PDB file of N, CA and C in Angstrom:
ATOM      1  N   MET A   1    -153.273 190.678 175.266  1.00  0.00           N
ATOM      2  CA  MET A   1    -152.592 191.733 176.103  1.00  0.00           C
ATOM      3  C   MET A   1    -152.949 192.674 174.918  1.00  0.00           C
ATOM      4  N   ILE A   2    -153.751 193.762 175.527  1.00  0.00           N
ATOM      5  CA  ILE A   2    -153.594 195.169 174.670  1.00  0.00           C
ATOM      6  C   ILE A   2    -152.697 195.729 174.487  1.00  0.00           C
ATOM      7  N   ASP A   3    -152.438 196.307 173.216  1.00  0.00           N
ATOM      8  CA  ASP A   3    -150.981 197.182 172.968  1.00  0.00           C
ATOM      9  C   ASP A   3    -151.877 198.732 172.365  1.00  0.00           C
ATOM     10  N   GLN A   4    -150.930 199.945 172.497  1.00  0.00           N
ATOM     11  CA  GLN A   4    -151.493 201.328 172.100  1.00  0.00           C
ATOM     12  C   GLN A   4    -152.261 201.305 170.963  1.00  0.00           C
ATOM     13  N   ALA A   5    -151.730 200.554 170.154  1.00  0.00           N
ATOM     14  CA  ALA A   5    -152.413 200.688 168.745  1.00  0.00           C
ATOM     15  C   ALA A   5    -153.808 199.913 168.675  1.00  0.00           C
ATOM     16  N   GLN A   6    -154.068 198.844 169.417  1.00  0.00           N
ATOM     17  CA  GLN A   6    -155.065 198.311 169.274  1.00  0.00           C
ATOM     18  C   GLN A   6    -156.433 199.113 170.255  1.00  0.00           C
ATOM     19  N   ILE A   7    -155.879 200.069 171.222  1.00  0.00           N
ATOM     20  CA  ILE A   7    -156.941 201.026 172.007  1.00  0.00           C
ATOM     21  C   ILE A   7    -157.308 202.207 171.008  1.00  0.00           C
ATOM     22  N   LEU A   8    -156.246 202.419 170.167  1.00  0.00           N
ATOM     23  CA  LEU A   8    -156.380 203.717 169.132  1.00  0.00           C
ATOM     24  C   LEU A   8    -157.557 203.343 167.930  1.00  0.00           C
ATOM     25  N   ARG A   9    -156.883 202.061 167.239  1.00  0.00           N
ATOM     26  CA  ARG A   9    -157.913 201.469 166.614  1.00  0.00           C
ATOM     27  C   ARG A   9    -159.176 201.123 167.018  1.00  0.00           C
ATOM     28  N   LYS A  10    -159.411 200.886 168.256  1.00  0.00           N
ATOM     29  CA  LYS A  10    -160.863 201.086 169.139  1.00  0.00           C
ATOM     30  C   LYS A  10    -161.460 202.200 168.929  1.00  0.00           C
ATOM     31  N   ILE A  11    -160.950 203.378 169.393  1.00  0.00           N
ATOM     32  CA  ILE A  11    -161.343 204.882 169.239  1.00  0.00           C
ATOM     33  C   ILE A  11    -161.635 205.125 168.107  1.00  0.00           C
ATOM     34  N   ALA A  12    -160.742 204.629 167.036  1.00  0.00           N
ATOM     35  CA  ALA A  12    -161.107 205.174 165.598  1.00  0.00           C
ATOM     36  C   ALA A  12    -162.466 204.423 165.041  1.00  0.00           C
ATOM     37  N   MET A  13    -162.541 203.039 165.482  1.00  0.00           N
ATOM     38  CA  MET A  13    -163.696 202.462 164.842  1.00  0.00           C
ATOM     39  C   MET A  13    -165.310 203.061 165.139  1.00  0.00           C
ATOM     40  N   GLU A  14    -164.938 203.127 166.790  1.00  0.00           N
ATOM     41  CA  GLU A  14    -166.183 203.849 167.185  1.00  0.00           C
ATOM     42  C   GLU A  14    -166.355 205.286 167.113  1.00  0.00           C
ATOM     43  N   LYS A  15    -165.370 205.819 166.283  1.00  0.00           N
ATOM     44  CA  LYS A  15    -165.361 207.417 165.863  1.00  0.00           C
ATOM     45  C   LYS A  15    -165.840 207.985 167.034  1.00  0.00           C
ATOM     46  N   ARG A  16    -164.667 207.970 167.873  1.00  0.00           N
ATOM     47  CA  ARG A  16    -165.172 208.808 169.321  1.00  0.00           C
ATOM     48  C   ARG A  16    -163.927 209.726 169.195  1.00  0.00           C
ATOM     49  N   GLY A  17    -164.003 210.705 170.290  1.00  0.00           N
ATOM     50  CA  GLY A  17    -162.610 211.141 170.739  1.00  0.00           C
ATOM     51  C   GLY A  17    -161.860 210.547 171.604  1.00  0.00           C
ATOM     52  N   LEU A  18    -160.541 211.095 171.690  1.00  0.00           N
ATOM     53  CA  LEU A  18    -159.963 210.451 172.452  1.00  0.00           C
ATOM     54  C   LEU A  18    -160.157 211.161 174.168  1.00  0.00           C
ATOM     55  N   ASP A  19    -160.910 212.229 174.031  1.00  0.00           N
ATOM     56  CA  ASP A  19    -161.154 212.815 175.298  1.00  0.00           C
ATOM     57  C   ASP A  19    -162.230 212.277 175.902  1.00  0.00           C
ATOM     58  N   GLU A  20    -163.324 211.703 175.046  1.00  0.00           N
ATOM     59  CA  GLU A  20    -164.572 210.625 175.768  1.00  0.00           C
ATOM     60  C   GLU A  20    -163.871 209.665 176.159  1.00  0.00           C
ATOM     61  N   PHE A  21    -162.792 208.826 175.557  1.00  0.00           N
ATOM     62  CA  PHE A  21    -162.328 207.677 176.151  1.00  0.00           C
ATOM     63  C   PHE A  21    -161.716 207.858 177.221  1.00  0.00           C
ATOM     64  N   ILE A  22    -160.857 208.881 177.654  1.00  0.00           N
ATOM     65  CA  ILE A  22    -160.116 209.091 178.722  1.00  0.00           C
ATOM     66  C   ILE A  22    -161.300 209.328 179.932  1.00  0.00           C
ATOM     67  N   VAL A  23    -162.350 210.158 179.641  1.00  0.00           N
ATOM     68  CA  VAL A  23    -163.122 210.339 180.683  1.00  0.00           C
ATOM     69  C   VAL A  23    -164.006 209.316 181.418  1.00  0.00           C
ATOM     70  N   GLU A  24    -163.987 208.534 180.180  1.00  0.00           N
ATOM     71  CA  GLU A  24    -164.701 207.094 180.599  1.00  0.00           C
ATOM     72  C   GLU A  24    -164.038 206.149 181.109  1.00  0.00           C
ATOM     73  N   ASN A  25    -162.656 205.999 181.048  1.00  0.00           N
ATOM     74  CA  ASN A  25    -161.914 205.406 181.884  1.00  0.00           C
ATOM     75  C   ASN A  25    -160.955 206.005 182.731  1.00  0.00           C
ATOM     76  N   GLU A  26    -161.883 207.156 183.474  1.00  0.00           N
ATOM     77  CA  GLU A  26    -160.947 208.086 184.359  1.00  0.00           C
ATOM     78  C   GLU A  26    -160.188 207.344 185.510  1.00  0.00           C
ATOM     79  N   ASN A  27    -160.626 206.339 185.917  1.00  0.00           N
ATOM     80  CA  ASN A  27    -159.966 205.837 187.308  1.00  0.00           C
ATOM     81  C   ASN A  27    -158.811 204.764 186.853  1.00  0.00           C
ATOM     82  N   VAL A  28    -158.626 204.356 185.660  1.00  0.00           N
ATOM     83  CA  VAL A  28    -157.710 203.432 185.372  1.00  0.00           C
ATOM     84  C   VAL A  28    -156.449 204.464 185.195  1.00  0.00           C
ATOM     85  N   PRO A  29    -155.309 204.366 186.080  1.00  0.00           N
ATOM     86  CA  PRO A  29    -153.903 205.008 186.019  1.00  0.00           C
ATOM     87  C   PRO A  29    -153.095 205.208 184.422  1.00  0.00           C
ATOM     88  N   LYS A  30    -152.968 206.308 184.054  1.00  0.00           N
ATOM     89  CA  LYS A  30    -152.608 206.405 182.802  1.00  0.00           C
ATOM     90  C   LYS A  30    -151.146 206.547 182.855  1.00  0.00           C
ATOM     91  N   ILE A  31    -150.225 206.004 182.033  1.00  0.00           N
ATOM     92  CA  ILE A  31    -148.340 205.725 181.849  1.00  0.00           C
ATOM     93  C   ILE A  31    -148.100 207.039 180.710  1.00  0.00           C
ATOM     94  N   ILE A  32    -147.606 207.862 180.853  1.00  0.00           N
ATOM     95  CA  ILE A  32    -146.880 208.509 179.627  1.00  0.00           C
ATOM     96  C   ILE A  32    -145.459 208.533 179.827  1.00  0.00           C
ATOM     97  N   THR A  33    -144.891 207.917 178.856  1.00  0.00           N
ATOM     98  CA  THR A  33    -143.218 207.844 179.024  1.00  0.00           C
ATOM     99  C   THR A  33    -142.975 208.722 177.553  1.00  0.00           C
ATOM    100  N   ILE A  34    -141.779 209.377 178.135  1.00  0.00           N
ATOM    101  CA  ILE A  34    -141.097 210.065 177.297  1.00  0.00           C
ATOM    102  C   ILE A  34    -139.433 209.833 176.987  1.00  0.00           C
ATOM    103  N   ALA A  35    -139.081 209.590 176.125  1.00  0.00           N
ATOM    104  CA  ALA A  35    -137.773 208.780 175.697  1.00  0.00           C
ATOM    105  C   ALA A  35    -137.058 209.438 174.672  1.00  0.00           C
ATOM    106  N   SER A  36    -136.183 209.072 174.325  1.00  0.00           N
ATOM    107  CA  SER A  36    -134.931 209.711 172.731  1.00  0.00           C
ATOM    108  C   SER A  36    -133.997 209.025 173.325  1.00  0.00           C
ATOM    109  N   GLY A  37    -133.202 208.357 172.348  1.00  0.00           N
ATOM    110  CA  GLY A  37    -132.018 207.926 172.090  1.00  0.00           C
ATOM    111  C   GLY A  37    -131.145 208.969 172.582  1.00  0.00           C
ATOM    112  N   LYS A  38    -131.413 210.213 172.048  1.00  0.00           N
ATOM    113  CA  LYS A  38    -130.520 211.117 171.845  1.00  0.00           C
ATOM    114  C   LYS A  38    -130.387 212.291 173.085  1.00  0.00           C
ATOM    115  N   GLY A  39    -129.369 212.344 173.610  1.00  0.00           N
ATOM    116  CA  GLY A  39    -129.698 213.643 174.841  1.00  0.00           C
ATOM    117  C   GLY A  39    -129.713 215.208 174.178  1.00  0.00           C
ATOM    118  N   GLY A  40    -130.152 215.821 175.436  1.00  0.00           N
ATOM    119  CA  GLY A  40    -130.330 217.537 175.068  1.00  0.00           C
ATOM    120  C   GLY A  40    -131.441 217.675 174.117  1.00  0.00           C
ATOM    121  N   VAL A  41    -132.426 216.999 174.006  1.00  0.00           N
ATOM    122  CA  VAL A  41    -133.495 217.223 173.197  1.00  0.00           C
ATOM    123  C   VAL A  41    -134.690 218.059 173.842  1.00  0.00           C
ATOM    124  N   GLY A  42    -134.609 217.743 175.101  1.00  0.00           N
ATOM    125  CA  GLY A  42    -135.999 218.493 175.845  1.00  0.00           C
ATOM    126  C   GLY A  42    -136.675 217.325 176.604  1.00  0.00           C
ATOM    127  N   LYS A  43    -136.352 216.536 177.253  1.00  0.00           N
ATOM    128  CA  LYS A  43    -137.296 215.431 177.749  1.00  0.00           C
ATOM    129  C   LYS A  43    -137.504 215.795 179.002  1.00  0.00           C
ATOM    130  N   SER A  44    -136.514 215.941 179.996  1.00  0.00           N
ATOM    131  CA  SER A  44    -136.904 216.463 181.250  1.00  0.00           C
ATOM    132  C   SER A  44    -137.759 217.831 181.069  1.00  0.00           C
ATOM    133  N   ASN A  45    -137.423 218.593 180.461  1.00  0.00           N
ATOM    134  CA  ASN A  45    -138.200 220.091 180.509  1.00  0.00           C
ATOM    135  C   ASN A  45    -139.716 219.689 180.268  1.00  0.00           C
ATOM    136  N   LEU A  46    -140.029 218.619 178.937  1.00  0.00           N
ATOM    137  CA  LEU A  46    -141.285 218.412 178.549  1.00  0.00           C
ATOM    138  C   LEU A  46    -141.926 217.896 179.688  1.00  0.00           C
ATOM    139  N   ALA A  47    -141.118 216.456 180.336  1.00  0.00           N
ATOM    140  CA  ALA A  47    -141.483 215.814 181.402  1.00  0.00           C
ATOM    141  C   ALA A  47    -141.932 216.566 182.596  1.00  0.00           C
ATOM    142  N   THR A  48    -141.236 217.674 182.888  1.00  0.00           N
ATOM    143  CA  THR A  48    -141.568 218.546 184.049  1.00  0.00           C
ATOM    144  C   THR A  48    -142.771 219.427 183.653  1.00  0.00           C
ATOM    145  N   ASN A  49    -142.878 220.187 182.487  1.00  0.00           N
ATOM    146  CA  ASN A  49    -144.073 221.022 182.165  1.00  0.00           C
ATOM    147  C   ASN A  49    -145.372 220.197 182.110  1.00  0.00           C
ATOM    148  N   LEU A  50    -145.457 218.947 181.580  1.00  0.00           N
ATOM    149  CA  LEU A  50    -146.311 218.336 181.303  1.00  0.00           C
ATOM    150  C   LEU A  50    -146.703 217.988 182.940  1.00  0.00           C
ATOM    151  N   SER A  51    -145.830 217.339 183.494  1.00  0.00           N
ATOM    152  CA  SER A  51    -146.393 217.079 185.077  1.00  0.00           C
ATOM    153  C   SER A  51    -147.269 218.599 185.730  1.00  0.00           C
ATOM    154  N   ILE A  52    -146.635 219.531 185.442  1.00  0.00           N
ATOM    155  CA  ILE A  52    -146.877 220.756 186.067  1.00  0.00           C
ATOM    156  C   ILE A  52    -148.332 220.950 185.841  1.00  0.00           C
ATOM    157  N   CYS A  53    -148.814 221.013 184.572  1.00  0.00           N
ATOM    158  CA  CYS A  53    -150.173 221.125 183.647  1.00  0.00           C
ATOM    159  C   CYS A  53    -150.903 220.147 184.209  1.00  0.00           C
ATOM    160  N   LEU A  54    -150.445 218.835 184.425  1.00  0.00           N
ATOM    161  CA  LEU A  54    -151.484 217.740 184.749  1.00  0.00           C
ATOM    162  C   LEU A  54    -151.858 217.904 186.257  1.00  0.00           C
ATOM    163  N   THR A  55    -150.997 218.320 186.986  1.00  0.00           N
ATOM    164  CA  THR A  55    -151.193 218.698 188.289  1.00  0.00           C
ATOM    165  C   THR A  55    -152.115 219.754 188.358  1.00  0.00           C
ATOM    166  N   LYS A  56    -152.241 220.952 187.953  1.00  0.00           N
ATOM    167  CA  LYS A  56    -152.968 221.778 187.819  1.00  0.00           C
ATOM    168  C   LYS A  56    -154.728 221.390 187.312  1.00  0.00           C
ATOM    169  N   LEU A  57    -154.328 220.439 186.500  1.00  0.00           N
ATOM    170  CA  LEU A  57    -155.912 219.474 186.420  1.00  0.00           C
ATOM    171  C   LEU A  57    -156.169 218.559 187.250  1.00  0.00           C
ATOM    172  N   ASN A  58    -155.975 218.732 188.445  1.00  0.00           N
ATOM    173  CA  ASN A  58    -155.980 218.120 189.725  1.00  0.00           C
ATOM    174  C   ASN A  58    -155.528 216.287 189.425  1.00  0.00           C
ATOM    175  N   LYS A  59    -154.788 216.262 188.756  1.00  0.00           N
ATOM    176  CA  LYS A  59    -154.407 214.662 188.295  1.00  0.00           C
ATOM    177  C   LYS A  59    -153.151 214.655 189.615  1.00  0.00           C
ATOM    178  N   LYS A  60    -152.712 213.328 190.111  1.00  0.00           N
ATOM    179  CA  LYS A  60    -151.781 213.001 190.483  1.00  0.00           C
ATOM    180  C   LYS A  60    -150.686 212.608 189.633  1.00  0.00           C
ATOM    181  N   VAL A  61    -149.533 213.068 189.882  1.00  0.00           N
ATOM    182  CA  VAL A  61    -148.465 212.793 189.080  1.00  0.00           C
ATOM    183  C   VAL A  61    -147.197 212.445 189.747  1.00  0.00           C
ATOM    184  N   LEU A  62    -146.443 211.072 188.940  1.00  0.00           N
ATOM    185  CA  LEU A  62    -145.280 210.827 189.628  1.00  0.00           C
ATOM    186  C   LEU A  62    -144.307 210.883 188.062  1.00  0.00           C
ATOM    187  N   ILE A  63    -143.094 211.664 188.561  1.00  0.00           N
ATOM    188  CA  ILE A  63    -142.027 211.541 187.565  1.00  0.00           C
ATOM    189  C   ILE A  63    -140.993 210.490 187.954  1.00  0.00           C
ATOM    190  N   LEU A  64    -140.525 209.701 186.986  1.00  0.00           N
ATOM    191  CA  LEU A  64    -139.341 208.933 187.388  1.00  0.00           C
ATOM    192  C   LEU A  64    -138.305 209.283 186.339  1.00  0.00           C
ATOM    193  N   ASP A  65    -137.440 209.926 186.771  1.00  0.00           N
ATOM    194  CA  ASP A  65    -136.209 210.181 186.077  1.00  0.00           C
ATOM    195  C   ASP A  65    -135.443 208.946 185.761  1.00  0.00           C
ATOM    196  N   ALA A  66    -135.555 207.993 185.021  1.00  0.00           N
ATOM    197  CA  ALA A  66    -134.543 206.902 184.753  1.00  0.00           C
ATOM    198  C   ALA A  66    -133.247 207.080 184.290  1.00  0.00           C
ATOM    199  N   ASP A  67    -133.033 208.250 183.831  1.00  0.00           N
ATOM    200  CA  ASP A  67    -131.865 208.660 182.997  1.00  0.00           C
ATOM    201  C   ASP A  67    -130.613 208.342 184.126  1.00  0.00           C
ATOM    202  N   ILE A  68    -129.702 207.435 184.150  1.00  0.00           N
ATOM    203  CA  ILE A  68    -128.731 206.943 185.316  1.00  0.00           C
ATOM    204  C   ILE A  68    -127.808 208.032 185.144  1.00  0.00           C
ATOM    205  N   GLY A  69    -127.149 208.286 184.080  1.00  0.00           N
ATOM    206  CA  GLY A  69    -126.094 209.223 184.167  1.00  0.00           C
ATOM    207  C   GLY A  69    -126.329 210.460 184.080  1.00  0.00           C
ATOM    208  N   MET A  70    -127.212 211.070 183.732  1.00  0.00           N
ATOM    209  CA  MET A  70    -127.708 212.579 183.662  1.00  0.00           C
ATOM    210  C   MET A  70    -129.131 212.858 183.731  1.00  0.00           C
ATOM    211  N   SER A  71    -129.784 212.231 184.694  1.00  0.00           N
ATOM    212  CA  SER A  71    -130.940 212.500 185.265  1.00  0.00           C
ATOM    213  C   SER A  71    -131.014 213.982 185.949  1.00  0.00           C
ATOM    214  N   ASN A  72    -131.866 215.107 185.430  1.00  0.00           N
ATOM    215  CA  ASN A  72    -131.988 216.560 185.821  1.00  0.00           C
ATOM    216  C   ASN A  72    -133.179 216.903 186.363  1.00  0.00           C
ATOM    217  N   ILE A  73    -134.298 215.854 186.482  1.00  0.00           N
ATOM    218  CA  ILE A  73    -135.497 216.880 186.695  1.00  0.00           C
ATOM    219  C   ILE A  73    -135.248 217.273 188.391  1.00  0.00           C
ATOM    220  N   ASP A  74    -134.418 216.966 189.336  1.00  0.00           N
ATOM    221  CA  ASP A  74    -134.887 217.297 190.464  1.00  0.00           C
ATOM    222  C   ASP A  74    -134.209 218.895 190.316  1.00  0.00           C
ATOM    223  N   ILE A  75    -133.082 219.071 189.580  1.00  0.00           N
ATOM    224  CA  ILE A  75    -132.495 220.538 189.222  1.00  0.00           C
ATOM    225  C   ILE A  75    -133.576 221.274 188.773  1.00  0.00           C
ATOM    226  N   ILE A  76    -133.875 220.826 187.493  1.00  0.00           N
ATOM    227  CA  ILE A  76    -135.386 221.662 186.767  1.00  0.00           C
ATOM    228  C   ILE A  76    -136.124 222.197 188.437  1.00  0.00           C
ATOM    229  N   MET A  77    -136.682 221.255 188.912  1.00  0.00           N
ATOM    230  CA  MET A  77    -137.678 221.528 189.792  1.00  0.00           C
ATOM    231  C   MET A  77    -137.092 221.906 191.526  1.00  0.00           C
ATOM    232  N   GLY A  78    -135.778 222.236 191.055  1.00  0.00           N
ATOM    233  CA  GLY A  78    -135.047 222.408 192.224  1.00  0.00           C
ATOM    234  C   GLY A  78    -135.002 221.848 193.739  1.00  0.00           C
ATOM    235  N   VAL A  79    -134.549 220.772 193.593  1.00  0.00           N
ATOM    236  CA  VAL A  79    -135.122 219.585 194.717  1.00  0.00           C
ATOM    237  C   VAL A  79    -133.325 219.354 195.134  1.00  0.00           C
ATOM    238  N   ASN A  80    -132.719 219.114 195.927  1.00  0.00           N
ATOM    239  CA  ASN A  80    -131.729 218.744 196.207  1.00  0.00           C
ATOM    240  C   ASN A  80    -131.452 217.196 196.854  1.00  0.00           C
ATOM    241  N   VAL A  81    -131.373 216.234 196.199  1.00  0.00           N
ATOM    242  CA  VAL A  81    -131.701 215.172 196.068  1.00  0.00           C
ATOM    243  C   VAL A  81    -130.224 214.217 196.728  1.00  0.00           C
ATOM    244  N   LYS A  82    -129.992 213.573 197.375  1.00  0.00           N
ATOM    245  CA  LYS A  82    -128.921 213.054 197.821  1.00  0.00           C
ATOM    246  C   LYS A  82    -128.476 211.456 197.495  1.00  0.00           C
ATOM    247  N   GLY A  83    -128.792 211.167 196.330  1.00  0.00           N
ATOM    248  CA  GLY A  83    -129.130 209.463 196.003  1.00  0.00           C
ATOM    249  C   GLY A  83    -129.737 209.515 194.275  1.00  0.00           C
ATOM    250  N   THR A  84    -129.360 208.025 193.844  1.00  0.00           N
ATOM    251  CA  THR A  84    -130.387 208.323 192.653  1.00  0.00           C
ATOM    252  C   THR A  84    -131.375 206.622 192.691  1.00  0.00           C
ATOM    253  N   ILE A  85    -132.008 206.600 191.788  1.00  0.00           N
ATOM    254  CA  ILE A  85    -132.622 205.394 191.571  1.00  0.00           C
ATOM    255  C   ILE A  85    -132.148 204.397 191.830  1.00  0.00           C
ATOM    256  N   ILE A  86    -130.640 204.159 191.537  1.00  0.00           N
ATOM    257  CA  ILE A  86    -129.484 203.412 191.536  1.00  0.00           C
ATOM    258  C   ILE A  86    -129.306 203.093 192.982  1.00  0.00           C
ATOM    259  N   ASP A  87    -129.487 203.923 193.961  1.00  0.00           N
ATOM    260  CA  ASP A  87    -129.278 203.753 195.429  1.00  0.00           C
ATOM    261  C   ASP A  87    -130.439 203.104 196.038  1.00  0.00           C
ATOM    262  N   VAL A  88    -131.763 203.419 195.520  1.00  0.00           N
ATOM    263  CA  VAL A  88    -132.837 202.936 196.067  1.00  0.00           C
ATOM    264  C   VAL A  88    -133.106 201.383 195.626  1.00  0.00           C
ATOM    265  N   ILE A  89    -132.707 201.359 194.581  1.00  0.00           N
ATOM    266  CA  ILE A  89    -132.915 199.555 193.895  1.00  0.00           C
ATOM    267  C   ILE A  89    -131.532 198.996 194.807  1.00  0.00           C
ATOM    268  N   ASN A  90    -130.851 199.405 194.992  1.00  0.00           N
ATOM    269  CA  ASN A  90    -129.519 198.742 195.786  1.00  0.00           C
ATOM    270  C   ASN A  90    -129.758 198.500 197.400  1.00  0.00           C
ATOM    271  N   GLY A  91    -131.006 199.611 197.735  1.00  0.00           N
ATOM    272  CA  GLY A  91    -131.164 199.350 199.032  1.00  0.00           C
ATOM    273  C   GLY A  91    -130.451 200.332 200.237  1.00  0.00           C
ATOM    274  N   GLU A  92    -129.478 201.366 199.492  1.00  0.00           N
ATOM    275  CA  GLU A  92    -128.402 202.198 199.836  1.00  0.00           C
ATOM    276  C   GLU A  92    -129.456 203.306 200.635  1.00  0.00           C
ATOM    277  N   LYS A  93    -130.355 203.807 199.886  1.00  0.00           N
ATOM    278  CA  LYS A  93    -131.156 204.991 199.834  1.00  0.00           C
ATOM    279  C   LYS A  93    -132.637 204.440 199.828  1.00  0.00           C
ATOM    280  N   LYS A  94    -133.389 205.360 200.949  1.00  0.00           N
ATOM    281  CA  LYS A  94    -134.745 205.277 200.736  1.00  0.00           C
ATOM    282  C   LYS A  94    -135.360 206.138 200.137  1.00  0.00           C
ATOM    283  N   TYR A  95    -136.854 205.589 199.430  1.00  0.00           N
ATOM    284  CA  TYR A  95    -137.624 206.475 198.567  1.00  0.00           C
ATOM    285  C   TYR A  95    -138.182 207.694 199.087  1.00  0.00           C
ATOM    286  N   ARG A  96    -137.939 208.908 198.785  1.00  0.00           N
ATOM    287  CA  ARG A  96    -138.371 209.984 199.346  1.00  0.00           C
ATOM    288  C   ARG A  96    -139.452 210.621 198.224  1.00  0.00           C
ATOM    289  N   ARG A  97    -140.351 211.080 198.758  1.00  0.00           N
ATOM    290  CA  ARG A  97    -141.669 211.637 198.065  1.00  0.00           C
ATOM    291  C   ARG A  97    -141.571 213.246 198.499  1.00  0.00           C
ATOM    292  N   TYR A  98    -141.613 213.645 197.194  1.00  0.00           N
ATOM    293  CA  TYR A  98    -142.078 215.401 197.006  1.00  0.00           C
ATOM    294  C   TYR A  98    -142.793 215.745 196.710  1.00  0.00           C
ATOM    295  N   ASN A  99    -143.546 216.742 197.756  1.00  0.00           N
ATOM    296  CA  ASN A  99    -145.058 217.280 197.029  1.00  0.00           C
ATOM    297  C   ASN A  99    -144.904 218.678 196.981  1.00  0.00           C
ATOM    298  N   PHE A 100    -145.016 219.186 195.636  1.00  0.00           N
ATOM    299  CA  PHE A 100    -144.738 220.527 194.914  1.00  0.00           C
ATOM    300  C   PHE A 100    -146.292 220.910 195.040  1.00  0.00           C
ATOM    301  N   THR A 101    -146.370 222.528 195.631  1.00  0.00           N
ATOM    302  CA  THR A 101    -147.488 223.296 195.188  1.00  0.00           C
ATOM    303  C   THR A 101    -147.436 224.532 194.688  1.00  0.00           C
ATOM    304  N   ASP A 102    -148.128 225.300 193.796  1.00  0.00           N
ATOM    305  CA  ASP A 102    -148.075 226.490 193.172  1.00  0.00           C
ATOM    306  C   ASP A 102    -147.225 227.481 194.016  1.00  0.00           C
TER     307      ASP A 102
END
């Protein structure tokens, strides 16, 4: 299994830029995780703004706010949700897809 550091070592050893590596592997899904042990540091704002920037680059984006107690990306995005990821996992609610445009 390849870890993150191994990929970075490969890029550094080959003396290529990261942008070159990303273009070369364009069809491979990318996962970006934003996490912190402390609340109120801007994780949701960063995730939301990053997703907006990526969609403007014609990238498909999925945001999963896994903060079970204090998720608020729905508030930032102006979406009225009627359940949480826990409701979906428990089979009480169905997954709903939201599409946003400029």
